PDB file of all heavy atoms in Angstrom:
ATOM      1  N   PRO A   1      14.298  17.245  -1.974  1.00  0.00           N
ATOM      2  CA  PRO A   1      14.174  16.815  -3.327  1.00  0.00           C
ATOM      3  C   PRO A   1      14.058  15.338  -3.462  1.00  0.00           C
ATOM      4  O   PRO A   1      13.677  14.830  -4.575  1.00  0.00           O
ATOM      5  CB  PRO A   1      15.451  17.353  -4.061  1.00  0.00           C
ATOM      6  CG  PRO A   1      16.504  17.337  -2.878  1.00  0.00           C
ATOM      7  CD  PRO A   1      15.706  17.663  -1.671  1.00  0.00           C
ATOM      8  N   ARG A   2      14.374  14.484  -2.392  1.00  0.00           N
ATOM      9  CA  ARG A   2      14.536  13.081  -2.510  1.00  0.00           C
ATOM     10  C   ARG A   2      13.455  12.416  -1.704  1.00  0.00           C
ATOM     11  O   ARG A   2      13.741  11.560  -0.768  1.00  0.00           O
ATOM     12  CB  ARG A   2      15.870  12.623  -1.991  1.00  0.00           C
ATOM     13  CG  ARG A   2      17.092  13.161  -2.932  1.00  0.00           C
ATOM     14  CD  ARG A   2      18.245  12.196  -2.837  1.00  0.00           C
ATOM     15  NE  ARG A   2      17.811  10.837  -3.144  1.00  0.00           N
ATOM     16  CZ  ARG A   2      17.609  10.420  -4.440  1.00  0.00           C
ATOM     17  NH1 ARG A   2      17.739  11.183  -5.443  1.00  0.00           N
ATOM     18  NH2 ARG A   2      17.294   9.136  -4.595  1.00  0.00           N
ATOM     19  N   GLN A   3      12.182  12.697  -2.116  1.00  0.00           N
ATOM     20  CA  GLN A   3      11.099  11.860  -1.477  1.00  0.00           C
ATOM     21  C   GLN A   3      10.810  10.743  -2.355  1.00  0.00           C
ATOM     22  O   GLN A   3      10.197  10.712  -3.386  1.00  0.00           O
ATOM     23  CB  GLN A   3       9.774  12.873  -1.448  1.00  0.00           C
ATOM     24  CG  GLN A   3       8.638  12.224  -0.715  1.00  0.00           C
ATOM     25  CD  GLN A   3       8.882  11.956   0.762  1.00  0.00           C
ATOM     26  OE1 GLN A   3       9.474  12.745   1.435  1.00  0.00           O
ATOM     27  NE2 GLN A   3       8.458  10.689   1.146  1.00  0.00           N
ATOM     28  N   LEU A   4      11.346   9.548  -1.905  1.00  0.00           N
ATOM     29  CA  LEU A   4      11.185   8.391  -2.596  1.00  0.00           C
ATOM     30  C   LEU A   4       9.816   7.766  -2.570  1.00  0.00           C
ATOM     31  O   LEU A   4       9.245   7.841  -1.437  1.00  0.00           O
ATOM     32  CB  LEU A   4      12.223   7.361  -2.154  1.00  0.00           C
ATOM     33  CG  LEU A   4      13.676   7.654  -2.265  1.00  0.00           C
ATOM     34  CD1 LEU A   4      14.482   6.729  -1.557  1.00  0.00           C
ATOM     35  CD2 LEU A   4      14.156   7.829  -3.754  1.00  0.00           C
ATOM     36  N   ARG A   5       9.341   7.266  -3.617  1.00  0.00           N
ATOM     37  CA  ARG A   5       7.985   6.683  -3.629  1.00  0.00           C
ATOM     38  C   ARG A   5       8.013   5.315  -2.960  1.00  0.00           C
ATOM     39  O   ARG A   5       8.968   4.511  -2.959  1.00  0.00           O
ATOM     40  CB  ARG A   5       7.466   6.476  -5.006  1.00  0.00           C
ATOM     41  CG  ARG A   5       7.203   7.689  -5.753  1.00  0.00           C
ATOM     42  CD  ARG A   5       6.558   7.337  -7.177  1.00  0.00           C
ATOM     43  NE  ARG A   5       5.306   6.673  -7.093  1.00  0.00           N
ATOM     44  CZ  ARG A   5       4.142   7.093  -6.859  1.00  0.00           C
ATOM     45  NH1 ARG A   5       3.950   8.493  -6.677  1.00  0.00           N
ATOM     46  NH2 ARG A   5       3.143   6.300  -6.805  1.00  0.00           N
ATOM     47  N   MET A   6       6.843   5.058  -2.228  1.00  0.00           N
ATOM     48  CA  MET A   6       6.812   3.737  -1.569  1.00  0.00           C
ATOM     49  C   MET A   6       6.607   2.700  -2.642  1.00  0.00           C
ATOM     50  O   MET A   6       5.731   2.796  -3.500  1.00  0.00           O
ATOM     51  CB  MET A   6       5.507   3.776  -0.640  1.00  0.00           C
ATOM     52  CG  MET A   6       5.256   2.510   0.103  1.00  0.00           C
ATOM     53  SD  MET A   6       6.512   2.219   1.432  1.00  0.00           S
ATOM     54  CE  MET A   6       5.841   3.327   2.687  1.00  0.00           C
ATOM     55  N   ARG A   7       7.359   1.637  -2.588  1.00  0.00           N
ATOM     56  CA  ARG A   7       7.194   0.467  -3.540  1.00  0.00           C
ATOM     57  C   ARG A   7       6.569  -0.640  -2.722  1.00  0.00           C
ATOM     58  O   ARG A   7       7.136  -1.091  -1.737  1.00  0.00           O
ATOM     59  CB  ARG A   7       8.639   0.128  -3.957  1.00  0.00           C
ATOM     60  CG  ARG A   7       9.391   1.297  -4.742  1.00  0.00           C
ATOM     61  CD  ARG A   7      10.549   0.840  -5.540  1.00  0.00           C
ATOM     62  NE  ARG A   7      11.554   0.233  -4.684  1.00  0.00           N
ATOM     63  CZ  ARG A   7      12.703  -0.292  -5.279  1.00  0.00           C
ATOM     64  NH1 ARG A   7      12.944  -0.234  -6.560  1.00  0.00           N
ATOM     65  NH2 ARG A   7      13.601  -0.861  -4.463  1.00  0.00           N
ATOM     66  N   TYR A   8       5.450  -1.145  -3.254  1.00  0.00           N
ATOM     67  CA  TYR A   8       4.726  -2.016  -2.521  1.00  0.00           C
ATOM     68  C   TYR A   8       4.047  -3.082  -3.408  1.00  0.00           C
ATOM     69  O   TYR A   8       3.873  -2.897  -4.680  1.00  0.00           O
ATOM     70  CB  TYR A   8       3.733  -1.441  -1.597  1.00  0.00           C
ATOM     71  CG  TYR A   8       2.506  -0.704  -2.320  1.00  0.00           C
ATOM     72  CD1 TYR A   8       1.375  -1.427  -2.575  1.00  0.00           C
ATOM     73  CD2 TYR A   8       2.662   0.483  -2.844  1.00  0.00           C
ATOM     74  CE1 TYR A   8       0.234  -0.823  -3.090  1.00  0.00           C
ATOM     75  CE2 TYR A   8       1.558   1.144  -3.551  1.00  0.00           C
ATOM     76  CZ  TYR A   8       0.383   0.440  -3.669  1.00  0.00           C
ATOM     77  OH  TYR A   8      -0.711   1.012  -4.254  1.00  0.00           O
ATOM     78  N   MET A   9       3.532  -4.084  -2.830  1.00  0.00           N
ATOM     79  CA  MET A   9       2.698  -5.127  -3.512  1.00  0.00           C
ATOM     80  C   MET A   9       1.466  -5.383  -2.710  1.00  0.00           C
ATOM     81  O   MET A   9       1.485  -5.603  -1.555  1.00  0.00           O
ATOM     82  CB  MET A   9       3.554  -6.416  -3.637  1.00  0.00           C
ATOM     83  CG  MET A   9       2.834  -7.630  -4.260  1.00  0.00           C
ATOM     84  SD  MET A   9       3.651  -9.186  -4.114  1.00  0.00           S
ATOM     85  CE  MET A   9       3.534  -9.518  -2.436  1.00  0.00           C
ATOM     86  N   LYS A  10       0.346  -5.393  -3.381  1.00  0.00           N
ATOM     87  CA  LYS A  10      -0.907  -5.731  -2.768  1.00  0.00           C
ATOM     88  C   LYS A  10      -0.952  -7.175  -2.245  1.00  0.00           C
ATOM     89  O   LYS A  10      -0.639  -8.101  -3.067  1.00  0.00           O
ATOM     90  CB  LYS A  10      -2.144  -5.390  -3.619  1.00  0.00           C
ATOM     91  CG  LYS A  10      -2.307  -3.957  -3.947  1.00  0.00           C
ATOM     92  CD  LYS A  10      -3.462  -3.702  -4.886  1.00  0.00           C
ATOM     93  CE  LYS A  10      -3.654  -2.269  -5.337  1.00  0.00           C
ATOM     94  NZ  LYS A  10      -4.797  -2.158  -6.345  1.00  0.00           N
ATOM     95  N   CYS A  11      -1.437  -7.406  -1.052  1.00  0.00           N
ATOM     96  CA  CYS A  11      -1.509  -8.745  -0.544  1.00  0.00           C
ATOM     97  C   CYS A  11      -2.950  -9.141  -0.076  1.00  0.00           C
ATOM     98  O   CYS A  11      -3.125 -10.141   0.622  1.00  0.00           O
ATOM     99  CB  CYS A  11      -0.549  -8.950   0.644  1.00  0.00           C
ATOM    100  SG  CYS A  11       1.114  -8.702   0.206  1.00  0.00           S
ATOM    101  N   GLY A  12      -3.908  -8.367  -0.516  1.00  0.00           N
ATOM    102  CA  GLY A  12      -5.329  -8.680  -0.142  1.00  0.00           C
ATOM    103  C   GLY A  12      -6.126  -7.440   0.207  1.00  0.00           C
ATOM    104  O   GLY A  12      -5.585  -6.474   0.697  1.00  0.00           O
ATOM    105  N   ARG A  13      -7.374  -7.498   0.037  1.00  0.00           N
ATOM    106  CA  ARG A  13      -8.295  -6.364   0.243  1.00  0.00           C
ATOM    107  C   ARG A  13      -8.805  -6.467   1.750  1.00  0.00           C
ATOM    108  O   ARG A  13      -9.169  -7.444   2.159  1.00  0.00           O
ATOM    109  CB  ARG A  13      -9.464  -6.388  -0.650  1.00  0.00           C
ATOM    110  CG  ARG A  13     -10.504  -5.245  -0.594  1.00  0.00           C
ATOM    111  CD  ARG A  13     -11.424  -5.431  -1.724  1.00  0.00           C
ATOM    112  NE  ARG A  13     -12.436  -4.411  -1.688  1.00  0.00           N
ATOM    113  CZ  ARG A  13     -13.624  -4.472  -1.006  1.00  0.00           C
ATOM    114  NH1 ARG A  13     -13.917  -5.514  -0.249  1.00  0.00           N
ATOM    115  NH2 ARG A  13     -14.463  -3.509  -1.068  1.00  0.00           N
ATOM    116  N   LEU A  14      -8.679  -5.324   2.461  1.00  0.00           N
ATOM    117  CA  LEU A  14      -9.033  -5.245   3.846  1.00  0.00           C
ATOM    118  C   LEU A  14     -10.462  -4.659   3.992  1.00  0.00           C
ATOM    119  O   LEU A  14     -11.106  -4.889   5.028  1.00  0.00           O
ATOM    120  CB  LEU A  14      -8.000  -4.447   4.687  1.00  0.00           C
ATOM    121  CG  LEU A  14      -6.620  -5.032   4.742  1.00  0.00           C
ATOM    122  CD1 LEU A  14      -5.734  -4.087   5.490  1.00  0.00           C
ATOM    123  CD2 LEU A  14      -6.660  -6.365   5.351  1.00  0.00           C
ATOM    124  N   GLY A  15     -10.824  -3.751   3.096  1.00  0.00           N
ATOM    125  CA  GLY A  15     -12.129  -3.138   3.250  1.00  0.00           C
ATOM    126  C   GLY A  15     -12.217  -1.972   2.270  1.00  0.00           C
ATOM    127  O   GLY A  15     -11.348  -1.591   1.573  1.00  0.00           O
ATOM    128  N   ALA A  16     -13.424  -1.338   2.186  1.00  0.00           N
ATOM    129  CA  ALA A  16     -13.739  -0.260   1.348  1.00  0.00           C
ATOM    130  C   ALA A  16     -14.809   0.594   2.040  1.00  0.00           C
ATOM    131  O   ALA A  16     -15.589   0.232   2.855  1.00  0.00           O
ATOM    132  CB  ALA A  16     -14.216  -0.727   0.006  1.00  0.00           C
ATOM    133  N   GLY A  17     -14.659   1.853   1.537  1.00  0.00           N
ATOM    134  CA  GLY A  17     -15.660   2.975   2.076  1.00  0.00           C
ATOM    135  C   GLY A  17     -15.811   3.997   1.041  1.00  0.00           C
ATOM    136  O   GLY A  17     -15.378   3.919  -0.082  1.00  0.00           O
ATOM    137  N   GLN A  18     -16.451   5.085   1.527  1.00  0.00           N
ATOM    138  CA  GLN A  18     -16.715   6.152   0.692  1.00  0.00           C
ATOM    139  C   GLN A  18     -15.426   6.799   0.176  1.00  0.00           C
ATOM    140  O   GLN A  18     -15.390   7.364  -0.969  1.00  0.00           O
ATOM    141  CB  GLN A  18     -17.572   7.216   1.451  1.00  0.00           C
ATOM    142  CG  GLN A  18     -17.894   8.478   0.604  1.00  0.00           C
ATOM    143  CD  GLN A  18     -18.751   9.463   1.490  1.00  0.00           C
ATOM    144  OE1 GLN A  18     -18.918   9.184   2.670  1.00  0.00           O
ATOM    145  NE2 GLN A  18     -19.153  10.542   0.912  1.00  0.00           N
ATOM    146  N   PHE A  19     -14.371   6.775   0.910  1.00  0.00           N
ATOM    147  CA  PHE A  19     -13.148   7.461   0.587  1.00  0.00           C
ATOM    148  C   PHE A  19     -12.087   6.650  -0.042  1.00  0.00           C
ATOM    149  O   PHE A  19     -10.883   7.043  -0.242  1.00  0.00           O
ATOM    150  CB  PHE A  19     -12.624   8.257   1.800  1.00  0.00           C
ATOM    151  CG  PHE A  19     -13.600   9.280   2.229  1.00  0.00           C
ATOM    152  CD1 PHE A  19     -14.516   8.966   3.110  1.00  0.00           C
ATOM    153  CD2 PHE A  19     -13.519  10.545   1.746  1.00  0.00           C
ATOM    154  CE1 PHE A  19     -15.387  10.066   3.487  1.00  0.00           C
ATOM    155  CE2 PHE A  19     -14.381  11.640   2.092  1.00  0.00           C
ATOM    156  CZ  PHE A  19     -15.348  11.248   3.090  1.00  0.00           C
ATOM    157  N   GLY A  20     -12.361   5.350  -0.392  1.00  0.00           N
ATOM    158  CA  GLY A  20     -11.347   4.586  -0.954  1.00  0.00           C
ATOM    159  C   GLY A  20     -11.393   3.139  -0.550  1.00  0.00           C
ATOM    160  O   GLY A  20     -12.189   2.776   0.394  1.00  0.00           O
ATOM    161  N   THR A  21     -10.434   2.370  -1.056  1.00  0.00           N
ATOM    162  CA  THR A  21     -10.363   0.890  -0.729  1.00  0.00           C
ATOM    163  C   THR A  21      -9.012   0.700  -0.004  1.00  0.00           C
ATOM    164  O   THR A  21      -8.037   1.315  -0.376  1.00  0.00           O
ATOM    165  CB  THR A  21     -10.419   0.086  -2.058  1.00  0.00           C
ATOM    166  OG1 THR A  21     -11.639   0.360  -2.748  1.00  0.00           O
ATOM    167  CG2 THR A  21     -10.347  -1.405  -1.634  1.00  0.00           C
ATOM    168  N   VAL A  22      -9.056  -0.056   0.999  1.00  0.00           N
ATOM    169  CA  VAL A  22      -7.893  -0.396   1.815  1.00  0.00           C
ATOM    170  C   VAL A  22      -7.402  -1.812   1.543  1.00  0.00           C
ATOM    171  O   VAL A  22      -8.155  -2.759   1.510  1.00  0.00           O
ATOM    172  CB  VAL A  22      -8.100  -0.209   3.347  1.00  0.00           C
ATOM    173  CG1 VAL A  22      -6.928  -0.414   4.118  1.00  0.00           C
ATOM    174  CG2 VAL A  22      -8.768   1.181   3.620  1.00  0.00           C
ATOM    175  N   TYR A  23      -6.095  -1.918   1.329  1.00  0.00           N
ATOM    176  CA  TYR A  23      -5.442  -3.198   1.054  1.00  0.00           C
ATOM    177  C   TYR A  23      -4.343  -3.486   2.055  1.00  0.00           C
ATOM    178  O   TYR A  23      -3.726  -2.436   2.588  1.00  0.00           O
ATOM    179  CB  TYR A  23      -4.812  -3.162  -0.338  1.00  0.00           C
ATOM    180  CG  TYR A  23      -5.868  -3.019  -1.491  1.00  0.00           C
ATOM    181  CD1 TYR A  23      -6.170  -1.716  -1.960  1.00  0.00           C
ATOM    182  CD2 TYR A  23      -6.508  -4.146  -2.120  1.00  0.00           C
ATOM    183  CE1 TYR A  23      -7.070  -1.686  -3.044  1.00  0.00           C
ATOM    184  CE2 TYR A  23      -7.399  -3.964  -3.029  1.00  0.00           C
ATOM    185  CZ  TYR A  23      -7.670  -2.726  -3.554  1.00  0.00           C
ATOM    186  OH  TYR A  23      -8.534  -2.583  -4.603  1.00  0.00           O
ATOM    187  N   LYS A  24      -4.136  -4.783   2.262  1.00  0.00           N
ATOM    188  CA  LYS A  24      -2.871  -5.109   2.939  1.00  0.00           C
ATOM    189  C   LYS A  24      -1.689  -5.119   1.965  1.00  0.00           C
ATOM    190  O   LYS A  24      -1.964  -5.572   0.856  1.00  0.00           O
ATOM    191  CB  LYS A  24      -2.963  -6.558   3.500  1.00  0.00           C
ATOM    192  CG  LYS A  24      -1.720  -7.091   4.220  1.00  0.00           C
ATOM    193  CD  LYS A  24      -1.927  -8.482   4.711  1.00  0.00           C
ATOM    194  CE  LYS A  24      -0.745  -9.003   5.388  1.00  0.00           C
ATOM    195  NZ  LYS A  24      -0.947 -10.458   5.944  1.00  0.00           N
ATOM    196  N   ALA A  25      -0.633  -4.485   2.286  1.00  0.00           N
ATOM    197  CA  ALA A  25       0.510  -4.302   1.284  1.00  0.00           C
ATOM    198  C   ALA A  25       1.796  -4.693   1.893  1.00  0.00           C
ATOM    199  O   ALA A  25       1.927  -4.705   3.188  1.00  0.00           O
ATOM    200  CB  ALA A  25       0.536  -2.884   0.820  1.00  0.00           C
ATOM    201  N   LEU A  26       2.724  -5.053   1.042  1.00  0.00           N
ATOM    202  CA  LEU A  26       3.996  -5.477   1.552  1.00  0.00           C
ATOM    203  C   LEU A  26       5.050  -4.390   0.934  1.00  0.00           C
ATOM    204  O   LEU A  26       5.118  -4.170  -0.120  1.00  0.00           O
ATOM    205  CB  LEU A  26       4.414  -6.863   0.911  1.00  0.00           C
ATOM    206  CG  LEU A  26       5.858  -7.363   1.121  1.00  0.00           C
ATOM    207  CD1 LEU A  26       6.049  -7.494   2.729  1.00  0.00           C
ATOM    208  CD2 LEU A  26       6.131  -8.620   0.443  1.00  0.00           C
ATOM    209  N   ASN A  27       5.662  -3.766   1.887  1.00  0.00           N
ATOM    210  CA  ASN A  27       6.738  -2.882   1.598  1.00  0.00           C
ATOM    211  C   ASN A  27       7.904  -3.630   0.948  1.00  0.00           C
ATOM    212  O   ASN A  27       8.599  -4.376   1.703  1.00  0.00           O
ATOM    213  CB  ASN A  27       7.141  -2.032   2.764  1.00  0.00           C
ATOM    214  CG  ASN A  27       8.100  -0.887   2.429  1.00  0.00           C
ATOM    215  OD1 ASN A  27       8.913  -0.946   1.491  1.00  0.00           O
ATOM    216  ND2 ASN A  27       8.161   0.142   3.202  1.00  0.00           N
ATOM    217  N   LEU A  28       8.193  -3.319  -0.316  1.00  0.00           N
ATOM    218  CA  LEU A  28       9.211  -4.198  -1.046  1.00  0.00           C
ATOM    219  C   LEU A  28      10.588  -3.805  -0.611  1.00  0.00           C
ATOM    220  O   LEU A  28      11.593  -4.612  -0.869  1.00  0.00           O
ATOM    221  CB  LEU A  28       9.008  -4.001  -2.481  1.00  0.00           C
ATOM    222  CG  LEU A  28       7.695  -4.504  -3.082  1.00  0.00           C
ATOM    223  CD1 LEU A  28       7.672  -4.275  -4.604  1.00  0.00           C
ATOM    224  CD2 LEU A  28       7.467  -5.976  -2.798  1.00  0.00           C
ATOM    225  N   ASP A  29      10.789  -2.656   0.095  1.00  0.00           N
ATOM    226  CA  ASP A  29      12.159  -2.329   0.438  1.00  0.00           C
ATOM    227  C   ASP A  29      12.435  -2.676   1.981  1.00  0.00           C
ATOM    228  O   ASP A  29      13.589  -2.482   2.369  1.00  0.00           O
ATOM    229  CB  ASP A  29      12.321  -0.792   0.210  1.00  0.00           C
ATOM    230  CG  ASP A  29      12.385  -0.386  -1.216  1.00  0.00           C
ATOM    231  OD1 ASP A  29      13.323  -0.885  -1.894  1.00  0.00           O
ATOM    232  OD2 ASP A  29      11.367   0.194  -1.743  1.00  0.00           O
ATOM    233  N   THR A  30      11.393  -3.010   2.714  1.00  0.00           N
ATOM    234  CA  THR A  30      11.636  -3.296   4.120  1.00  0.00           C
ATOM    235  C   THR A  30      11.278  -4.798   4.433  1.00  0.00           C
ATOM    236  O   THR A  30      11.612  -5.276   5.500  1.00  0.00           O
ATOM    237  CB  THR A  30      10.988  -2.380   4.980  1.00  0.00           C
ATOM    238  OG1 THR A  30       9.517  -2.523   4.968  1.00  0.00           O
ATOM    239  CG2 THR A  30      11.449  -0.944   4.756  1.00  0.00           C
ATOM    240  N   GLY A  31      10.264  -5.383   3.681  1.00  0.00           N
ATOM    241  CA  GLY A  31       9.722  -6.607   4.021  1.00  0.00           C
ATOM    242  C   GLY A  31       8.680  -6.546   5.089  1.00  0.00           C
ATOM    243  O   GLY A  31       8.205  -7.613   5.578  1.00  0.00           O
TER     244      GLY A  31
END
């Protein structure tokens, strides 16, 4: 029951394709 959501901040776009856009992200709970 305790699947915690990933809390993150976008830090820049890495690329994009047919299936979505990829970003560099910072995990706010681990750094």
